[in-house]
PDB file of all heavy atoms in Angstrom:
ATOM      1  N   ILE A   1       6.331   0.221   4.285  1.00  0.00           N
ATOM      2  CA  ILE A   1       5.260  -0.333   3.466  1.00  0.00           C
ATOM      3  C   ILE A   1       4.542  -1.391   4.289  1.00  0.00           C
ATOM      4  O   ILE A   1       5.135  -2.025   5.160  1.00  0.00           O
ATOM      5  CB  ILE A   1       5.778  -0.937   2.141  1.00  0.00           C
ATOM      6  CG1 ILE A   1       6.849  -2.009   2.407  1.00  0.00           C
ATOM      7  CG2 ILE A   1       6.327   0.147   1.230  1.00  0.00           C
ATOM      8  CD1 ILE A   1       7.332  -2.721   1.159  1.00  0.00           C
ATOM      9  N   GLU A   2       3.250  -1.574   4.018  1.00  0.00           N
ATOM     10  CA  GLU A   2       2.480  -2.515   4.833  1.00  0.00           C
ATOM     11  C   GLU A   2       1.257  -3.005   4.069  1.00  0.00           C
ATOM     12  O   GLU A   2       0.506  -2.213   3.504  1.00  0.00           O
ATOM     13  CB  GLU A   2       2.030  -1.844   6.123  1.00  0.00           C
ATOM     14  CG  GLU A   2       1.388  -2.771   7.127  1.00  0.00           C
ATOM     15  CD  GLU A   2       2.392  -3.683   7.812  1.00  0.00           C
ATOM     16  OE1 GLU A   2       3.555  -3.268   7.975  1.00  0.00           O
ATOM     17  OE2 GLU A   2       2.005  -4.808   8.187  1.00  0.00           O
ATOM     18  N   PHE A   3       1.073  -4.347   4.035  1.00  0.00           N
ATOM     19  CA  PHE A   3      -0.176  -4.908   3.541  1.00  0.00           C
ATOM     20  C   PHE A   3      -1.217  -4.759   4.646  1.00  0.00           C
ATOM     21  O   PHE A   3      -1.145  -5.429   5.677  1.00  0.00           O
ATOM     22  CB  PHE A   3      -0.014  -6.388   3.179  1.00  0.00           C
ATOM     23  CG  PHE A   3       0.507  -6.624   1.792  1.00  0.00           C
ATOM     24  CD1 PHE A   3       1.842  -6.938   1.578  1.00  0.00           C
ATOM     25  CD2 PHE A   3      -0.339  -6.537   0.695  1.00  0.00           C
ATOM     26  CE1 PHE A   3       2.332  -7.161   0.304  1.00  0.00           C
ATOM     27  CE2 PHE A   3       0.138  -6.766  -0.590  1.00  0.00           C
ATOM     28  CZ  PHE A   3       1.477  -7.071  -0.788  1.00  0.00           C
ATOM     29  N   VAL A   4      -2.202  -3.890   4.451  1.00  0.00           N
ATOM     30  CA  VAL A   4      -3.225  -3.671   5.472  1.00  0.00           C
ATOM     31  C   VAL A   4      -4.406  -4.618   5.297  1.00  0.00           C
ATOM     32  O   VAL A   4      -5.184  -4.837   6.223  1.00  0.00           O
ATOM     33  CB  VAL A   4      -3.711  -2.214   5.470  1.00  0.00           C
ATOM     34  CG1 VAL A   4      -2.591  -1.289   5.903  1.00  0.00           C
ATOM     35  CG2 VAL A   4      -4.246  -1.803   4.107  1.00  0.00           C
ATOM     36  N   THR A   5      -4.584  -5.146   4.105  1.00  0.00           N
ATOM     37  CA  THR A   5      -5.478  -6.268   3.860  1.00  0.00           C
ATOM     38  C   THR A   5      -4.706  -7.233   2.971  1.00  0.00           C
ATOM     39  O   THR A   5      -3.563  -6.968   2.582  1.00  0.00           O
ATOM     40  CB  THR A   5      -6.784  -5.847   3.147  1.00  0.00           C
ATOM     41  OG1 THR A   5      -6.478  -5.456   1.787  1.00  0.00           O
ATOM     42  CG2 THR A   5      -7.455  -4.690   3.861  1.00  0.00           C
ATOM     43  N   ASN A   6      -5.330  -8.336   2.637  1.00  0.00           N
ATOM     44  CA  ASN A   6      -4.621  -9.322   1.825  1.00  0.00           C
ATOM     45  C   ASN A   6      -4.233  -8.795   0.457  1.00  0.00           C
ATOM     46  O   ASN A   6      -3.244  -9.229  -0.134  1.00  0.00           O
ATOM     47  CB  ASN A   6      -5.495 -10.566   1.658  1.00  0.00           C
ATOM     48  CG  ASN A   6      -4.706 -11.785   1.260  1.00  0.00           C
ATOM     49  OD1 ASN A   6      -3.666 -12.077   1.833  1.00  0.00           O
ATOM     50  ND2 ASN A   6      -5.196 -12.503   0.274  1.00  0.00           N
ATOM     51  N   ASN A   7      -4.991  -7.804  -0.062  1.00  0.00           N
ATOM     52  CA  ASN A   7      -4.755  -7.310  -1.422  1.00  0.00           C
ATOM     53  C   ASN A   7      -4.393  -5.836  -1.491  1.00  0.00           C
ATOM     54  O   ASN A   7      -4.176  -5.316  -2.576  1.00  0.00           O
ATOM     55  CB  ASN A   7      -6.003  -7.556  -2.281  1.00  0.00           C
ATOM     56  CG  ASN A   7      -6.390  -9.018  -2.350  1.00  0.00           C
ATOM     57  OD1 ASN A   7      -5.527  -9.884  -2.471  1.00  0.00           O
ATOM     58  ND2 ASN A   7      -7.678  -9.302  -2.253  1.00  0.00           N
ATOM     59  N   THR A   8      -4.351  -5.145  -0.358  1.00  0.00           N
ATOM     60  CA  THR A   8      -4.094  -3.710  -0.355  1.00  0.00           C
ATOM     61  C   THR A   8      -2.822  -3.396   0.411  1.00  0.00           C
ATOM     62  O   THR A   8      -2.650  -3.841   1.547  1.00  0.00           O
ATOM     63  CB  THR A   8      -5.260  -2.939   0.278  1.00  0.00           C
ATOM     64  OG1 THR A   8      -6.468  -3.241  -0.434  1.00  0.00           O
ATOM     65  CG2 THR A   8      -5.016  -1.438   0.228  1.00  0.00           C
ATOM     66  N   LEU A   9      -1.950  -2.620  -0.217  1.00  0.00           N
ATOM     67  CA  LEU A   9      -0.708  -2.198   0.409  1.00  0.00           C
ATOM     68  C   LEU A   9      -0.656  -0.689   0.503  1.00  0.00           C
ATOM     69  O   LEU A   9      -0.979   0.015  -0.451  1.00  0.00           O
ATOM     70  CB  LEU A   9       0.506  -2.707  -0.384  1.00  0.00           C
ATOM     71  CG  LEU A   9       1.875  -2.315   0.185  1.00  0.00           C
ATOM     72  CD1 LEU A   9       2.797  -3.532   0.286  1.00  0.00           C
ATOM     73  CD2 LEU A   9       2.547  -1.226  -0.645  1.00  0.00           C
ATOM     74  N   PHE A  10      -0.265  -0.180   1.668  1.00  0.00           N
ATOM     75  CA  PHE A  10      -0.015   1.243   1.868  1.00  0.00           C
ATOM     76  C   PHE A  10       1.489   1.465   1.901  1.00  0.00           C
ATOM     77  O   PHE A  10       2.229   0.697   2.528  1.00  0.00           O
ATOM     78  CB  PHE A  10      -0.605   1.743   3.192  1.00  0.00           C
ATOM     79  CG  PHE A  10      -2.102   1.796   3.234  1.00  0.00           C
ATOM     80  CD1 PHE A  10      -2.765   1.977   4.438  1.00  0.00           C
ATOM     81  CD2 PHE A  10      -2.862   1.671   2.082  1.00  0.00           C
ATOM     82  CE1 PHE A  10      -4.149   2.037   4.492  1.00  0.00           C
ATOM     83  CE2 PHE A  10      -4.250   1.728   2.125  1.00  0.00           C
ATOM     84  CZ  PHE A  10      -4.888   1.908   3.334  1.00  0.00           C
ATOM     85  N   ALA A  11       1.950   2.514   1.228  1.00  0.00           N
ATOM     86  CA  ALA A  11       3.365   2.902   1.255  1.00  0.00           C
ATOM     87  C   ALA A  11       3.452   4.327   1.778  1.00  0.00           C
ATOM     88  O   ALA A  11       2.768   5.224   1.288  1.00  0.00           O
ATOM     89  CB  ALA A  11       3.972   2.799  -0.142  1.00  0.00           C
ATOM     90  N   PHE A  12       4.303   4.523   2.782  1.00  0.00           N
ATOM     91  CA  PHE A  12       4.441   5.828   3.431  1.00  0.00           C
ATOM     92  C   PHE A  12       5.784   6.443   3.049  1.00  0.00           C
ATOM     93  O   PHE A  12       6.840   6.001   3.510  1.00  0.00           O
ATOM     94  CB  PHE A  12       4.346   5.677   4.948  1.00  0.00           C
ATOM     95  CG  PHE A  12       3.017   5.159   5.431  1.00  0.00           C
ATOM     96  CD1 PHE A  12       2.765   3.793   5.488  1.00  0.00           C
ATOM     97  CD2 PHE A  12       2.015   6.031   5.811  1.00  0.00           C
ATOM     98  CE1 PHE A  12       1.543   3.307   5.927  1.00  0.00           C
ATOM     99  CE2 PHE A  12       0.783   5.564   6.258  1.00  0.00           C
ATOM    100  CZ  PHE A  12       0.552   4.195   6.314  1.00  0.00           C
ATOM    101  N   GLY A  13       5.737   7.462   2.197  1.00  0.00           N
ATOM    102  CA  GLY A  13       6.951   8.159   1.788  1.00  0.00           C
ATOM    103  C   GLY A  13       7.123   9.455   2.552  1.00  0.00           C
ATOM    104  O   GLY A  13       6.231   9.887   3.292  1.00  0.00           O
ATOM    105  N   ASP A  14       8.277  10.103   2.368  1.00  0.00           N
ATOM    106  CA  ASP A  14       8.524  11.354   3.076  1.00  0.00           C
ATOM    107  C   ASP A  14       7.749  12.518   2.468  1.00  0.00           C
ATOM    108  O   ASP A  14       7.555  13.549   3.123  1.00  0.00           O
ATOM    109  CB  ASP A  14      10.018  11.671   3.106  1.00  0.00           C
ATOM    110  CG  ASP A  14      10.618  11.758   1.708  1.00  0.00           C
ATOM    111  OD1 ASP A  14       9.946  11.361   0.736  1.00  0.00           O
ATOM    112  OD2 ASP A  14      11.758  12.224   1.588  1.00  0.00           O
ATOM    113  N   ASN A  15       7.260  12.373   1.243  1.00  0.00           N
ATOM    114  CA  ASN A  15       6.489  13.451   0.616  1.00  0.00           C
ATOM    115  C   ASN A  15       5.226  12.972  -0.095  1.00  0.00           C
ATOM    116  O   ASN A  15       4.552  13.751  -0.755  1.00  0.00           O
ATOM    117  CB  ASN A  15       7.362  14.238  -0.360  1.00  0.00           C
ATOM    118  CG  ASN A  15       7.996  13.350  -1.418  1.00  0.00           C
ATOM    119  OD1 ASN A  15       7.562  12.223  -1.645  1.00  0.00           O
ATOM    120  ND2 ASN A  15       9.044  13.857  -2.051  1.00  0.00           N
ATOM    121  N   GLN A  16       4.919  11.696   0.025  1.00  0.00           N
ATOM    122  CA  GLN A  16       3.685  11.184  -0.561  1.00  0.00           C
ATOM    123  C   GLN A  16       3.297   9.848   0.056  1.00  0.00           C
ATOM    124  O   GLN A  16       4.140   9.110   0.586  1.00  0.00           O
ATOM    125  CB  GLN A  16       3.807  11.049  -2.079  1.00  0.00           C
ATOM    126  CG  GLN A  16       4.872  10.071  -2.551  1.00  0.00           C
ATOM    127  CD  GLN A  16       4.914   9.981  -4.069  1.00  0.00           C
ATOM    128  OE1 GLN A  16       3.880   9.951  -4.735  1.00  0.00           O
ATOM    129  NE2 GLN A  16       6.115   9.961  -4.627  1.00  0.00           N
ATOM    130  N   LEU A  17       2.002   9.563   0.003  1.00  0.00           N
ATOM    131  CA  LEU A  17       1.453   8.277   0.415  1.00  0.00           C
ATOM    132  C   LEU A  17       0.939   7.568  -0.824  1.00  0.00           C
ATOM    133  O   LEU A  17       0.375   8.200  -1.719  1.00  0.00           O
ATOM    134  CB  LEU A  17       0.311   8.466   1.418  1.00  0.00           C
ATOM    135  CG  LEU A  17       0.573   9.349   2.634  1.00  0.00           C
ATOM    136  CD1 LEU A  17      -0.687   9.476   3.483  1.00  0.00           C
ATOM    137  CD2 LEU A  17       1.723   8.819   3.466  1.00  0.00           C
ATOM    138  N   LEU A  18       1.116   6.256  -0.873  1.00  0.00           N
ATOM    139  CA  LEU A  18       0.731   5.474  -2.043  1.00  0.00           C
ATOM    140  C   LEU A  18      -0.182   4.332  -1.627  1.00  0.00           C
ATOM    141  O   LEU A  18       0.001   3.725  -0.566  1.00  0.00           O
ATOM    142  CB  LEU A  18       1.971   4.899  -2.741  1.00  0.00           C
ATOM    143  CG  LEU A  18       3.036   5.919  -3.170  1.00  0.00           C
ATOM    144  CD1 LEU A  18       4.332   5.208  -3.504  1.00  0.00           C
ATOM    145  CD2 LEU A  18       2.544   6.711  -4.366  1.00  0.00           C
ATOM    146  N   VAL A  19      -1.158   4.030  -2.478  1.00  0.00           N
ATOM    147  CA  VAL A  19      -2.062   2.912  -2.260  1.00  0.00           C
ATOM    148  C   VAL A  19      -1.969   1.968  -3.446  1.00  0.00           C
ATOM    149  O   VAL A  19      -2.127   2.388  -4.599  1.00  0.00           O
ATOM    150  CB  VAL A  19      -3.519   3.390  -2.092  1.00  0.00           C
ATOM    151  CG1 VAL A  19      -4.448   2.194  -1.862  1.00  0.00           C
ATOM    152  CG2 VAL A  19      -3.637   4.380  -0.940  1.00  0.00           C
ATOM    153  N   PHE A  20      -1.680   0.694  -3.166  1.00  0.00           N
ATOM    154  CA  PHE A  20      -1.627  -0.340  -4.193  1.00  0.00           C
ATOM    155  C   PHE A  20      -2.718  -1.366  -3.910  1.00  0.00           C
ATOM    156  O   PHE A  20      -3.034  -1.657  -2.752  1.00  0.00           O
ATOM    157  CB  PHE A  20      -0.265  -1.049  -4.195  1.00  0.00           C
ATOM    158  CG  PHE A  20       0.886  -0.177  -4.577  1.00  0.00           C
ATOM    159  CD1 PHE A  20       1.530   0.603  -3.619  1.00  0.00           C
ATOM    160  CD2 PHE A  20       1.337  -0.115  -5.890  1.00  0.00           C
ATOM    161  CE1 PHE A  20       2.599   1.418  -3.964  1.00  0.00           C
ATOM    162  CE2 PHE A  20       2.406   0.694  -6.245  1.00  0.00           C
ATOM    163  CZ  PHE A  20       3.032   1.462  -5.270  1.00  0.00           C
ATOM    164  N   ASP A  21      -3.273  -1.925  -4.981  1.00  0.00           N
ATOM    165  CA  ASP A  21      -4.342  -2.894  -4.806  1.00  0.00           C
ATOM    166  C   ASP A  21      -4.293  -3.920  -5.925  1.00  0.00           C
ATOM    167  O   ASP A  21      -3.954  -3.592  -7.071  1.00  0.00           O
ATOM    168  CB  ASP A  21      -5.712  -2.195  -4.794  1.00  0.00           C
ATOM    169  CG  ASP A  21      -6.815  -3.120  -4.344  1.00  0.00           C
ATOM    170  OD1 ASP A  21      -6.806  -3.521  -3.176  1.00  0.00           O
ATOM    171  OD2 ASP A  21      -7.673  -3.456  -5.182  1.00  0.00           O
ATOM    172  N   GLY A  22      -4.622  -5.174  -5.584  1.00  0.00           N
ATOM    173  CA  GLY A  22      -4.649  -6.231  -6.598  1.00  0.00           C
ATOM    174  C   GLY A  22      -4.555  -7.590  -5.951  1.00  0.00           C
ATOM    175  O   GLY A  22      -3.798  -7.784  -5.000  1.00  0.00           O
ATOM    176  N   THR A  23      -5.324  -8.544  -6.457  1.00  0.00           N
ATOM    177  CA  THR A  23      -5.333  -9.878  -5.869  1.00  0.00           C
ATOM    178  C   THR A  23      -4.065 -10.662  -6.175  1.00  0.00           C
ATOM    179  O   THR A  23      -3.596 -11.437  -5.351  1.00  0.00           O
ATOM    180  CB  THR A  23      -6.549 -10.675  -6.372  1.00  0.00           C
ATOM    181  OG1 THR A  23      -6.527 -10.711  -7.799  1.00  0.00           O
ATOM    182  CG2 THR A  23      -7.840 -10.024  -5.912  1.00  0.00           C
ATOM    183  N   GLN A  24      -3.494 -10.471  -7.352  1.00  0.00           N
ATOM    184  CA  GLN A  24      -2.292 -11.207  -7.748  1.00  0.00           C
ATOM    185  C   GLN A  24      -1.121 -10.283  -8.091  1.00  0.00           C
ATOM    186  O   GLN A  24       0.002 -10.519  -7.671  1.00  0.00           O
ATOM    187  CB  GLN A  24      -2.599 -12.117  -8.953  1.00  0.00           C
ATOM    188  CG  GLN A  24      -3.651 -13.182  -8.689  1.00  0.00           C
ATOM    189  CD  GLN A  24      -3.220 -14.213  -7.675  1.00  0.00           C
ATOM    190  OE1 GLN A  24      -2.039 -14.397  -7.415  1.00  0.00           O
ATOM    191  NE2 GLN A  24      -4.195 -14.917  -7.098  1.00  0.00           N
TER     192      GLN A  24
END
């Protein structure tokens, strides 16, 4: 998992990719 910006996180799974976003 990695915060690529201050509010966006990418998660790399073995069968899916996930995008999370939010300031708080």
